[in-house]
Amino acid sequence: MKITFFFAISILFTAVLSAPQQDVQIVELENDNDGTGNYKFRFSLSDGTKQDETGQLKDLQGEDGPVQAVVKTGSYEFTDPEGKLHRVTYTADENGFHPVVES
């Protein structure tokens, strides 16, 4: 009897874990690009995943004279399978990529 009960519970547990997951849907989507290097995009999904980024064309002083580069700022966040929210904000500029992680 104990073996039958354990077997039945194991089958039920396996069935629950293998149940199809719902497809993730796009809740919000914005994408503006002026074609000269300046842009802004953002999206959010039904599972709570979000990303937001802005890029601006900047005139910078390089080693060999003036250069243009796109400086980016933004953030993204997601929830891991254990339910913990992770958020990263960042800047990418002439000095590199600078993330700040919040978990």
PDB file of N, CA and C in Angstrom:
ATOM      1  N   MET A   1       0.823  -1.198   0.000  1.00  0.00           N
ATOM      2  CA  MET A   1       0.000   0.000   0.000  1.00  0.00           C
ATOM      3  C   MET A   1       0.869   1.266   0.000  1.00  0.00           C
ATOM      4  N   LYS A   2       1.943   1.263   0.821  1.00  0.00           N
ATOM      5  CA  LYS A   2       2.825   2.428   0.882  1.00  0.00           C
ATOM      6  C   LYS A   2       3.496   2.668  -0.469  1.00  0.00           C
ATOM      7  N   ILE A   3       3.885   1.597  -1.146  1.00  0.00           N
ATOM      8  CA  ILE A   3       4.544   1.736  -2.442  1.00  0.00           C
ATOM      9  C   ILE A   3       3.576   2.308  -3.464  1.00  0.00           C
ATOM     10  N   THR A   4       2.329   1.860  -3.457  1.00  0.00           N
ATOM     11  CA  THR A   4       1.324   2.363  -4.387  1.00  0.00           C
ATOM     12  C   THR A   4       1.067   3.849  -4.141  1.00  0.00           C
ATOM     13  N   PHE A   5       0.959   4.228  -2.865  1.00  0.00           N
ATOM     14  CA  PHE A   5       0.725   5.626  -2.517  1.00  0.00           C
ATOM     15  C   PHE A   5       1.907   6.487  -2.978  1.00  0.00           C
ATOM     16  N   PHE A   6       3.135   6.031  -2.690  1.00  0.00           N
ATOM     17  CA  PHE A   6       4.327   6.770  -3.101  1.00  0.00           C
ATOM     18  C   PHE A   6       4.387   6.899  -4.621  1.00  0.00           C
ATOM     19  N   PHE A   7       4.066   5.825  -5.329  1.00  0.00           N
ATOM     20  CA  PHE A   7       4.071   5.837  -6.786  1.00  0.00           C
ATOM     21  C   PHE A   7       3.037   6.832  -7.318  1.00  0.00           C
ATOM     22  N   ALA A   8       1.835   6.830  -6.735  1.00  0.00           N
ATOM     23  CA  ALA A   8       0.772   7.744  -7.171  1.00  0.00           C
ATOM     24  C   ALA A   8       1.173   9.200  -6.928  1.00  0.00           C
ATOM     25  N   ILE A   9       1.758   9.483  -5.777  1.00  0.00           N
ATOM     26  CA  ILE A   9       2.204  10.847  -5.466  1.00  0.00           C
ATOM     27  C   ILE A   9       3.323  11.266  -6.427  1.00  0.00           C
ATOM     28  N   SER A  10       4.241  10.354  -6.730  1.00  0.00           N
ATOM     29  CA  SER A  10       5.333  10.659  -7.663  1.00  0.00           C
ATOM     30  C   SER A  10       4.801  11.005  -9.044  1.00  0.00           C
ATOM     31  N   ILE A  11       3.812  10.252  -9.519  1.00  0.00           N
ATOM     32  CA  ILE A  11       3.215  10.514 -10.840  1.00  0.00           C
ATOM     33  C   ILE A  11       2.512  11.870 -10.827  1.00  0.00           C
ATOM     34  N   LEU A  12       1.760  12.164  -9.772  1.00  0.00           N
ATOM     35  CA  LEU A  12       1.052  13.440  -9.667  1.00  0.00           C
ATOM     36  C   LEU A  12       2.049  14.601  -9.645  1.00  0.00           C
ATOM     37  N   PHE A  13       3.120  14.476  -8.872  1.00  0.00           N
ATOM     38  CA  PHE A  13       4.140  15.517  -8.779  1.00  0.00           C
ATOM     39  C   PHE A  13       4.788  15.752 -10.141  1.00  0.00           C
ATOM     40  N   THR A  14       5.107  14.684 -10.849  1.00  0.00           N
ATOM     41  CA  THR A  14       5.705  14.795 -12.180  1.00  0.00           C
ATOM     42  C   THR A  14       4.753  15.474 -13.153  1.00  0.00           C
ATOM     43  N   ALA A  15       3.476  15.143 -13.072  1.00  0.00           N
ATOM     44  CA  ALA A  15       2.489  15.746 -13.971  1.00  0.00           C
ATOM     45  C   ALA A  15       2.359  17.243 -13.720  1.00  0.00           C
ATOM     46  N   VAL A  16       2.370  17.641 -12.458  1.00  0.00           N
ATOM     47  CA  VAL A  16       2.256  19.066 -12.127  1.00  0.00           C
ATOM     48  C   VAL A  16       3.483  19.824 -12.630  1.00  0.00           C
ATOM     49  N   LEU A  17       4.669  19.279 -12.412  1.00  0.00           N
ATOM     50  CA  LEU A  17       5.889  19.965 -12.847  1.00  0.00           C
ATOM     51  C   LEU A  17       6.032  20.025 -14.361  1.00  0.00           C
ATOM     52  N   SER A  18       5.469  19.049 -15.058  1.00  0.00           N
ATOM     53  CA  SER A  18       5.607  19.044 -16.513  1.00  0.00           C
ATOM     54  C   SER A  18       4.438  19.727 -17.217  1.00  0.00           C
ATOM     55  N   ALA A  19       3.545  20.338 -16.449  1.00  0.00           N
ATOM     56  CA  ALA A  19       2.417  21.051 -17.060  1.00  0.00           C
ATOM     57  C   ALA A  19       2.959  22.184 -17.925  1.00  0.00           C
ATOM     58  N   PRO A  20       2.331  22.439 -19.062  1.00  0.00           N
ATOM     59  CA  PRO A  20       2.833  23.498 -19.947  1.00  0.00           C
ATOM     60  C   PRO A  20       2.784  24.863 -19.265  1.00  0.00           C
ATOM     61  N   GLN A  21       3.839  25.630 -19.483  1.00  0.00           N
ATOM     62  CA  GLN A  21       3.911  26.985 -18.953  1.00  0.00           C
ATOM     63  C   GLN A  21       3.210  27.933 -19.920  1.00  0.00           C
ATOM     64  N   GLN A  22       2.650  29.003 -19.375  1.00  0.00           N
ATOM     65  CA  GLN A  22       2.001  29.977 -20.246  1.00  0.00           C
ATOM     66  C   GLN A  22       3.057  30.741 -21.037  1.00  0.00           C
ATOM     67  N   ASP A  23       2.719  31.056 -22.274  1.00  0.00           N
ATOM     68  CA  ASP A  23       3.616  31.851 -23.099  1.00  0.00           C
ATOM     69  C   ASP A  23       3.738  33.255 -22.519  1.00  0.00           C
ATOM     70  N   VAL A  24       4.921  33.807 -22.602  1.00  0.00           N
ATOM     71  CA  VAL A  24       5.162  35.175 -22.151  1.00  0.00           C
ATOM     72  C   VAL A  24       4.678  36.126 -23.240  1.00  0.00           C
ATOM     73  N   GLN A  25       3.942  37.137 -22.837  1.00  0.00           N
ATOM     74  CA  GLN A  25       3.375  38.111 -23.767  1.00  0.00           C
ATOM     75  C   GLN A  25       4.080  39.461 -23.615  1.00  0.00           C
ATOM     76  N   ILE A  26       4.156  40.212 -24.697  1.00  0.00           N
ATOM     77  CA  ILE A  26       4.665  41.582 -24.651  1.00  0.00           C
ATOM     78  C   ILE A  26       3.547  42.475 -24.132  1.00  0.00           C
ATOM     79  N   VAL A  27       3.815  43.174 -23.033  1.00  0.00           N
ATOM     80  CA  VAL A  27       2.829  44.061 -22.420  1.00  0.00           C
ATOM     81  C   VAL A  27       3.016  45.490 -22.917  1.00  0.00           C
ATOM     82  N   GLU A  28       4.281  45.895 -23.066  1.00  0.00           N
ATOM     83  CA  GLU A  28       4.591  47.258 -23.514  1.00  0.00           C
ATOM     84  C   GLU A  28       5.815  47.192 -24.423  1.00  0.00           C
ATOM     85  N   LEU A  29       5.793  47.976 -25.484  1.00  0.00           N
ATOM     86  CA  LEU A  29       6.937  48.042 -26.395  1.00  0.00           C
ATOM     87  C   LEU A  29       7.012  49.442 -26.973  1.00  0.00           C
ATOM     88  N   GLU A  30       8.158  50.074 -26.795  1.00  0.00           N
ATOM     89  CA  GLU A  30       8.412  51.405 -27.355  1.00  0.00           C
ATOM     90  C   GLU A  30       9.790  51.362 -28.002  1.00  0.00           C
ATOM     91  N   ASN A  31       9.896  51.908 -29.202  1.00  0.00           N
ATOM     92  CA  ASN A  31      11.176  51.925 -29.903  1.00  0.00           C
ATOM     93  C   ASN A  31      11.233  53.187 -30.757  1.00  0.00           C
ATOM     94  N   ASP A  32      11.987  54.163 -30.296  1.00  0.00           N
ATOM     95  CA  ASP A  32      12.169  55.416 -31.027  1.00  0.00           C
ATOM     96  C   ASP A  32      13.639  55.548 -31.398  1.00  0.00           C
ATOM     97  N   ASN A  33      13.907  55.746 -32.692  1.00  0.00           N
ATOM     98  CA  ASN A  33      15.270  55.883 -33.179  1.00  0.00           C
ATOM     99  C   ASN A  33      15.269  56.984 -34.232  1.00  0.00           C
ATOM    100  N   ASP A  34      16.075  58.019 -34.003  1.00  0.00           N
ATOM    101  CA  ASP A  34      16.072  59.131 -34.959  1.00  0.00           C
ATOM    102  C   ASP A  34      17.019  58.908 -36.143  1.00  0.00           C
ATOM    103  N   GLY A  35      17.725  57.781 -36.160  1.00  0.00           N
ATOM    104  CA  GLY A  35      18.590  57.468 -37.284  1.00  0.00           C
ATOM    105  C   GLY A  35      19.964  58.112 -37.239  1.00  0.00           C
ATOM    106  N   THR A  36      20.229  58.913 -36.219  1.00  0.00           N
ATOM    107  CA  THR A  36      21.534  59.576 -36.116  1.00  0.00           C
ATOM    108  C   THR A  36      22.350  59.073 -34.927  1.00  0.00           C
ATOM    109  N   GLY A  37      21.870  58.034 -34.258  1.00  0.00           N
ATOM    110  CA  GLY A  37      22.568  57.503 -33.087  1.00  0.00           C
ATOM    111  C   GLY A  37      21.803  57.700 -31.800  1.00  0.00           C
ATOM    112  N   ASN A  38      20.794  58.568 -31.811  1.00  0.00           N
ATOM    113  CA  ASN A  38      19.970  58.782 -30.625  1.00  0.00           C
ATOM    114  C   ASN A  38      18.778  57.830 -30.668  1.00  0.00           C
ATOM    115  N   TYR A  39      18.511  57.172 -29.551  1.00  0.00           N
ATOM    116  CA  TYR A  39      17.382  56.243 -29.519  1.00  0.00           C
ATOM    117  C   TYR A  39      16.888  56.043 -28.091  1.00  0.00           C
ATOM    118  N   LYS A  40      15.716  55.477 -28.000  1.00  0.00           N
ATOM    119  CA  LYS A  40      15.139  55.068 -26.723  1.00  0.00           C
ATOM    120  C   LYS A  40      14.279  53.851 -27.002  1.00  0.00           C
ATOM    121  N   PHE A  41      14.469  52.815 -26.197  1.00  0.00           N
ATOM    122  CA  PHE A  41      13.565  51.683 -26.303  1.00  0.00           C
ATOM    123  C   PHE A  41      13.260  51.152 -24.917  1.00  0.00           C
ATOM    124  N   ARG A  42      12.110  50.539 -24.815  1.00  0.00           N
ATOM    125  CA  ARG A  42      11.690  49.915 -23.567  1.00  0.00           C
ATOM    126  C   ARG A  42      10.704  48.823 -23.896  1.00  0.00           C
ATOM    127  N   PHE A  43      10.688  47.834 -23.053  1.00  0.00           N
ATOM    128  CA  PHE A  43       9.669  46.799 -23.166  1.00  0.00           C
ATOM    129  C   PHE A  43       9.408  46.212 -21.793  1.00  0.00           C
ATOM    130  N   SER A  44       8.241  45.654 -21.642  1.00  0.00           N
ATOM    131  CA  SER A  44       7.917  44.874 -20.457  1.00  0.00           C
ATOM    132  C   SER A  44       7.120  43.662 -20.907  1.00  0.00           C
ATOM    133  N   LEU A  45       7.336  42.565 -20.217  1.00  0.00           N
ATOM    134  CA  LEU A  45       6.701  41.299 -20.553  1.00  0.00           C
ATOM    135  C   LEU A  45       5.767  40.867 -19.438  1.00  0.00           C
ATOM    136  N   SER A  46       4.874  39.959 -19.760  1.00  0.00           N
ATOM    137  CA  SER A  46       3.881  39.505 -18.790  1.00  0.00           C
ATOM    138  C   SER A  46       4.499  38.747 -17.621  1.00  0.00           C
ATOM    139  N   ASP A  47       5.741  38.278 -17.750  1.00  0.00           N
ATOM    140  CA  ASP A  47       6.393  37.591 -16.633  1.00  0.00           C
ATOM    141  C   ASP A  47       7.143  38.558 -15.714  1.00  0.00           C
ATOM    142  N   GLY A  48       7.016  39.875 -15.965  1.00  0.00           N
ATOM    143  CA  GLY A  48       7.654  40.879 -15.124  1.00  0.00           C
ATOM    144  C   GLY A  48       9.005  41.354 -15.624  1.00  0.00           C
ATOM    145  N   THR A  49       9.540  40.743 -16.666  1.00  0.00           N
ATOM    146  CA  THR A  49      10.812  41.170 -17.240  1.00  0.00           C
ATOM    147  C   THR A  49      10.634  42.548 -17.875  1.00  0.00           C
ATOM    148  N   LYS A  50      11.614  43.437 -17.635  1.00  0.00           N
ATOM    149  CA  LYS A  50      11.555  44.791 -18.193  1.00  0.00           C
ATOM    150  C   LYS A  50      12.947  45.218 -18.637  1.00  0.00           C
ATOM    151  N   GLN A  51      12.998  46.045 -19.666  1.00  0.00           N
ATOM    152  CA  GLN A  51      14.246  46.684 -20.073  1.00  0.00           C
ATOM    153  C   GLN A  51      13.930  48.068 -20.598  1.00  0.00           C
ATOM    154  N   ASP A  52      14.831  48.989 -20.305  1.00  0.00           N
ATOM    155  CA  ASP A  52      14.695  50.386 -20.707  1.00  0.00           C
ATOM    156  C   ASP A  52      16.102  50.882 -21.038  1.00  0.00           C
ATOM    157  N   GLU A  53      16.290  51.475 -22.221  1.00  0.00           N
ATOM    158  CA  GLU A  53      17.616  51.968 -22.597  1.00  0.00           C
ATOM    159  C   GLU A  53      17.493  53.214 -23.452  1.00  0.00           C
ATOM    160  N   THR A  54      18.400  54.158 -23.214  1.00  0.00           N
ATOM    161  CA  THR A  54      18.489  55.383 -23.993  1.00  0.00           C
ATOM    162  C   THR A  54      19.918  55.514 -24.504  1.00  0.00           C
ATOM    163  N   GLY A  55      20.047  55.889 -25.755  1.00  0.00           N
ATOM    164  CA  GLY A  55      21.365  56.126 -26.337  1.00  0.00           C
ATOM    165  C   GLY A  55      21.416  57.522 -26.926  1.00  0.00           C
ATOM    166  N   GLN A  56      22.508  58.228 -26.666  1.00  0.00           N
ATOM    167  CA  GLN A  56      22.683  59.580 -27.195  1.00  0.00           C
ATOM    168  C   GLN A  56      24.041  59.684 -27.867  1.00  0.00           C
ATOM    169  N   LEU A  57      24.041  60.242 -29.058  1.00  0.00           N
ATOM    170  CA  LEU A  57      25.288  60.473 -29.778  1.00  0.00           C
ATOM    171  C   LEU A  57      26.004  61.650 -29.128  1.00  0.00           C
ATOM    172  N   LYS A  58      27.250  61.428 -28.733  1.00  0.00           N
ATOM    173  CA  LYS A  58      28.026  62.464 -28.050  1.00  0.00           C
ATOM    174  C   LYS A  58      29.317  62.717 -28.809  1.00  0.00           C
ATOM    175  N   ASP A  59      29.747  63.959 -28.785  1.00  0.00           N
ATOM    176  CA  ASP A  59      31.067  64.320 -29.303  1.00  0.00           C
ATOM    177  C   ASP A  59      32.057  64.180 -28.153  1.00  0.00           C
ATOM    178  N   LEU A  60      33.059  63.338 -28.345  1.00  0.00           N
ATOM    179  CA  LEU A  60      34.045  63.074 -27.306  1.00  0.00           C
ATOM    180  C   LEU A  60      35.437  63.366 -27.843  1.00  0.00           C
ATOM    181  N   GLN A  61      36.349  63.547 -26.932  1.00  0.00           N
ATOM    182  CA  GLN A  61      37.734  63.762 -27.323  1.00  0.00           C
ATOM    183  C   GLN A  61      38.471  62.434 -27.225  1.00  0.00           C
ATOM    184  N   GLY A  62      38.897  61.901 -28.359  1.00  0.00           N
ATOM    185  CA  GLY A  62      39.669  60.666 -28.392  1.00  0.00           C
ATOM    186  C   GLY A  62      41.152  60.959 -28.398  1.00  0.00           C
ATOM    187  N   GLU A  63      41.952  59.909 -28.381  1.00  0.00           N
ATOM    188  CA  GLU A  63      43.410  60.069 -28.402  1.00  0.00           C
ATOM    189  C   GLU A  63      43.890  60.745 -29.681  1.00  0.00           C
ATOM    190  N   ASP A  64      43.168  60.501 -30.776  1.00  0.00           N
ATOM    191  CA  ASP A  64      43.562  61.070 -32.072  1.00  0.00           C
ATOM    192  C   ASP A  64      42.679  62.234 -32.500  1.00  0.00           C
ATOM    193  N   GLY A  65      41.984  62.844 -31.554  1.00  0.00           N
ATOM    194  CA  GLY A  65      41.116  63.962 -31.894  1.00  0.00           C
ATOM    195  C   GLY A  65      39.665  63.670 -31.571  1.00  0.00           C
ATOM    196  N   PRO A  66      38.767  64.536 -32.034  1.00  0.00           N
ATOM    197  CA  PRO A  66      37.351  64.373 -31.718  1.00  0.00           C
ATOM    198  C   PRO A  66      36.766  63.114 -32.367  1.00  0.00           C
ATOM    199  N   VAL A  67      35.891  62.452 -31.625  1.00  0.00           N
ATOM    200  CA  VAL A  67      35.169  61.274 -32.124  1.00  0.00           C
ATOM    201  C   VAL A  67      33.725  61.361 -31.657  1.00  0.00           C
ATOM    202  N   GLN A  68      32.865  60.649 -32.340  1.00  0.00           N
ATOM    203  CA  GLN A  68      31.476  60.548 -31.904  1.00  0.00           C
ATOM    204  C   GLN A  68      31.240  59.132 -31.394  1.00  0.00           C
ATOM    205  N   ALA A  69      30.466  59.034 -30.333  1.00  0.00           N
ATOM    206  CA  ALA A  69      30.137  57.731 -29.759  1.00  0.00           C
ATOM    207  C   ALA A  69      28.736  57.796 -29.171  1.00  0.00           C
ATOM    208  N   VAL A  70      28.075  56.658 -29.124  1.00  0.00           N
ATOM    209  CA  VAL A  70      26.757  56.570 -28.503  1.00  0.00           C
ATOM    210  C   VAL A  70      26.957  56.208 -27.034  1.00  0.00           C
ATOM    211  N   VAL A  71      26.486  57.069 -26.151  1.00  0.00           N
ATOM    212  CA  VAL A  71      26.522  56.826 -24.712  1.00  0.00           C
ATOM    213  C   VAL A  71      25.171  56.251 -24.322  1.00  0.00           C
ATOM    214  N   LYS A  72      25.196  55.127 -23.608  1.00  0.00           N
ATOM    215  CA  LYS A  72      23.958  54.422 -23.273  1.00  0.00           C
ATOM    216  C   LYS A  72      23.727  54.419 -21.772  1.00  0.00           C
ATOM    217  N   THR A  73      22.472  54.590 -21.394  1.00  0.00           N
ATOM    218  CA  THR A  73      22.053  54.404 -20.007  1.00  0.00           C
ATOM    219  C   THR A  73      20.793  53.558 -20.028  1.00  0.00           C
ATOM    220  N   GLY A  74      20.631  52.756 -19.011  1.00  0.00           N
ATOM    221  CA  GLY A  74      19.432  51.935 -18.992  1.00  0.00           C
ATOM    222  C   GLY A  74      19.359  51.029 -17.787  1.00  0.00           C
ATOM    223  N   SER A  75      18.379  50.147 -17.845  1.00  0.00           N
ATOM    224  CA  SER A  75      18.186  49.175 -16.778  1.00  0.00           C
ATOM    225  C   SER A  75      17.414  47.984 -17.325  1.00  0.00           C
ATOM    226  N   TYR A  76      17.551  46.879 -16.620  1.00  0.00           N
ATOM    227  CA  TYR A  76      16.710  45.719 -16.901  1.00  0.00           C
ATOM    228  C   TYR A  76      16.456  44.993 -15.593  1.00  0.00           C
ATOM    229  N   GLU A  77      15.345  44.284 -15.558  1.00  0.00           N
ATOM    230  CA  GLU A  77      15.011  43.511 -14.368  1.00  0.00           C
ATOM    231  C   GLU A  77      14.260  42.254 -14.763  1.00  0.00           C
ATOM    232  N   PHE A  78      14.410  41.254 -13.921  1.00  0.00           N
ATOM    233  CA  PHE A  78      13.728  39.984 -14.139  1.00  0.00           C
ATOM    234  C   PHE A  78      13.587  39.277 -12.802  1.00  0.00           C
ATOM    235  N   THR A  79      12.688  38.336 -12.751  1.00  0.00           N
ATOM    236  CA  THR A  79      12.479  37.511 -11.569  1.00  0.00           C
ATOM    237  C   THR A  79      13.010  36.119 -11.871  1.00  0.00           C
ATOM    238  N   ASP A  80      13.872  35.616 -10.990  1.00  0.00           N
ATOM    239  CA  ASP A  80      14.446  34.288 -11.222  1.00  0.00           C
ATOM    240  C   ASP A  80      13.427  33.200 -10.859  1.00  0.00           C
ATOM    241  N   PRO A  81      13.726  31.950 -11.169  1.00  0.00           N
ATOM    242  CA  PRO A  81      12.765  30.865 -10.901  1.00  0.00           C
ATOM    243  C   PRO A  81      12.385  30.717  -9.428  1.00  0.00           C
ATOM    244  N   GLU A  82      13.221  31.215  -8.519  1.00  0.00           N
ATOM    245  CA  GLU A  82      12.900  31.154  -7.093  1.00  0.00           C
ATOM    246  C   GLU A  82      12.039  32.332  -6.645  1.00  0.00           C
ATOM    247  N   GLY A  83      11.728  33.254  -7.568  1.00  0.00           N
ATOM    248  CA  GLY A  83      10.864  34.385  -7.251  1.00  0.00           C
ATOM    249  C   GLY A  83      11.597  35.638  -6.801  1.00  0.00           C
ATOM    250  N   LYS A  84      12.919  35.654  -6.886  1.00  0.00           N
ATOM    251  CA  LYS A  84      13.692  36.814  -6.453  1.00  0.00           C
ATOM    252  C   LYS A  84      13.869  37.788  -7.618  1.00  0.00           C
ATOM    253  N   LEU A  85      13.612  39.070  -7.353  1.00  0.00           N
ATOM    254  CA  LEU A  85      13.752  40.119  -8.366  1.00  0.00           C
ATOM    255  C   LEU A  85      15.212  40.554  -8.464  1.00  0.00           C
ATOM    256  N   HIS A  86      15.713  40.651  -9.684  1.00  0.00           N
ATOM    257  CA  HIS A  86      17.065  41.140  -9.955  1.00  0.00           C
ATOM    258  C   HIS A  86      16.941  42.364 -10.859  1.00  0.00           C
ATOM    259  N   ARG A  87      17.681  43.418 -10.520  1.00  0.00           N
ATOM    260  CA  ARG A  87      17.639  44.653 -11.302  1.00  0.00           C
ATOM    261  C   ARG A  87      19.072  45.141 -11.533  1.00  0.00           C
ATOM    262  N   VAL A  88      19.343  45.546 -12.757  1.00  0.00           N
ATOM    263  CA  VAL A  88      20.652  46.091 -13.117  1.00  0.00           C
ATOM    264  C   VAL A  88      20.417  47.434 -13.799  1.00  0.00           C
ATOM    265  N   THR A  89      21.058  48.474 -13.290  1.00  0.00           N
ATOM    266  CA  THR A  89      21.081  49.763 -13.976  1.00  0.00           C
ATOM    267  C   THR A  89      22.508  49.953 -14.488  1.00  0.00           C
ATOM    268  N   TYR A  90      22.649  50.636 -15.602  1.00  0.00           N
ATOM    269  CA  TYR A  90      23.976  50.727 -16.198  1.00  0.00           C
ATOM    270  C   TYR A  90      24.144  51.990 -17.021  1.00  0.00           C
ATOM    271  N   THR A  91      25.403  52.317 -17.217  1.00  0.00           N
ATOM    272  CA  THR A  91      25.839  53.345 -18.150  1.00  0.00           C
ATOM    273  C   THR A  91      26.983  52.743 -18.956  1.00  0.00           C
ATOM    274  N   ALA A  92      26.980  53.006 -20.242  1.00  0.00           N
ATOM    275  CA  ALA A  92      28.094  52.602 -21.107  1.00  0.00           C
ATOM    276  C   ALA A  92      28.555  53.855 -21.830  1.00  0.00           C
ATOM    277  N   ASP A  93      29.782  54.253 -21.556  1.00  0.00           N
ATOM    278  CA  ASP A  93      30.292  55.494 -22.125  1.00  0.00           C
ATOM    279  C   ASP A  93      31.755  55.327 -22.520  1.00  0.00           C
ATOM    280  N   GLU A  94      32.433  56.441 -22.725  1.00  0.00           N
ATOM    281  CA  GLU A  94      33.831  56.381 -23.150  1.00  0.00           C
ATOM    282  C   GLU A  94      34.738  55.731 -22.109  1.00  0.00           C
ATOM    283  N   ASN A  95      34.250  55.590 -20.888  1.00  0.00           N
ATOM    284  CA  ASN A  95      35.036  54.962 -19.821  1.00  0.00           C
ATOM    285  C   ASN A  95      34.667  53.505 -19.579  1.00  0.00           C
ATOM    286  N   GLY A  96      33.780  52.946 -20.403  1.00  0.00           N
ATOM    287  CA  GLY A  96      33.425  51.533 -20.262  1.00  0.00           C
ATOM    288  C   GLY A  96      31.987  51.313 -19.833  1.00  0.00           C
ATOM    289  N   PHE A  97      31.716  50.077 -19.444  1.00  0.00           N
ATOM    290  CA  PHE A  97      30.383  49.648 -19.011  1.00  0.00           C
ATOM    291  C   PHE A  97      30.351  49.677 -17.493  1.00  0.00           C
ATOM    292  N   HIS A  98      29.339  50.347 -16.921  1.00  0.00           N
ATOM    293  CA  HIS A  98      29.262  50.546 -15.476  1.00  0.00           C
ATOM    294  C   HIS A  98      27.921  50.034 -14.951  1.00  0.00           C
ATOM    295  N   PRO A  99      27.833  48.757 -14.581  1.00  0.00           N
ATOM    296  CA  PRO A  99      26.577  48.226 -14.058  1.00  0.00           C
ATOM    297  C   PRO A  99      26.478  48.413 -12.548  1.00  0.00           C
ATOM    298  N   VAL A 100      25.254  48.565 -12.072  1.00  0.00           N
ATOM    299  CA  VAL A 100      24.951  48.547 -10.643  1.00  0.00           C
ATOM    300  C   VAL A 100      23.889  47.475 -10.467  1.00  0.00           C
ATOM    301  N   VAL A 101      24.236  46.413  -9.734  1.00  0.00           N
ATOM    302  CA  VAL A 101      23.352  45.261  -9.581  1.00  0.00           C
ATOM    303  C   VAL A 101      22.611  45.365  -8.260  1.00  0.00           C
ATOM    304  N   GLU A 102      21.298  45.210  -8.320  1.00  0.00           N
ATOM    305  CA  GLU A 102      20.456  45.173  -7.126  1.00  0.00           C
ATOM    306  C   GLU A 102      19.752  43.825  -7.122  1.00  0.00           C
ATOM    307  N   SER A 103      19.968  43.051  -6.076  1.00  0.00           N
ATOM    308  CA  SER A 103      19.290  41.751  -5.990  1.00  0.00           C
ATOM    309  C   SER A 103      18.658  41.592  -4.637  1.00  0.00           C
TER     310      SER A 103
END
